[in-house]
């Protein structure tokens, strides 16, 4: 079997990774001598999990260090009801624009991909600007399924605030906010030693948005990039802070993330949207964790414009562990469906669909092999 270090190229990166891994081991040994032998670090980004599994980072760390995947997949947490709404619109003759990773996520009865196969008009786009451009060329009624975290919300907010959206295009808003979700996780008896904050989200909200982790929960928090070296450096910094009795925000991703974030994007977001209590799939309602169009922009709201009746929705199948996996309370191999009834080619749950879903990542790169080898 290929050594994880062989995935680091060029050679200087491999040597650097080995040096960081050795520093991590020494820090961990120092903590063990103080009686701290179990360290749980949560990241909240699907891209971080992708890097961790692809590069075998868990196998480079001492066994007492656990890297836990938290609520970092933006399409995995969209409630089935909101997918059902998009499906209902598509089947009723309204064109639905959606991102590619949302296309196959199952709702209660079907996904948007299945709705398309049954005659619904569903188009995959790369951005909201694509939806605007296409809607301007075609006068038929259309809806953009607006999903994602703090990173994607500004892309539609700019058009909303400037009122540059064609009359035949509405928004089915399903944005969620990661920062309140992290607070929710930490407030519900999660025994964590540190947080690796998401780099993408932090480019918008800024490193300063994570101060509450350090100040209120007394945990080290590192904003990290997405290279394997970034993740290793984040782990090393968290262990250093634990050794020194510190709880600070450290911006490892300073080449991209500023302390205050992208203030222009923030301004557009909060001009177009307001924070509302919102449901997360299989988890429940998290306070002020969603976005809704402000009253002055309700003309763009698909739920105001259309009567959408989807009936009772079902977020997860009995036995599916996706909600627990999203919250970091389980791993894919804890699920009885994983790589059995639920596989990338026939997903039962949302965690197996998106490229940022933990189950899909483990299925593609064999994340469970590292755990078995322990």
Foldseek 3Di string as FASTA:
>chain_A
DDDLLVVDPDPVRSVLLLVLLVLQVVLQVLVVVVVPQAAEEEEQALLQLLQCLQSVVCLSHPPRYHYFYAQHDFLQFQFLVLQLLQLQCQLVAAEEEEAPLQQAFAHQPGGVVVSVVVPGHYHYDDAVVVVQVVCVVPVAAYEYEAIDELLRLLRVLVCLVVVVHDLRYAYSFRYWYVLLVVVVLLVPPDDHQAYAYEQRNQLAAFLQSCACCCPVVVHAYEDFDNHSSRVSVRSSVRSVCVSVVGHGYHYSPVVRGHRRHDVVSVVSSVVFWFFQFDGTQPPGTGGSTGIDGDPVRCSRHPVVVDPGDSPDIHRADPQACQVCSNSRNDALVSGPPQVNVAAQVHHRHSLCRGSSRRSVSCRVSVSCVSVVVD
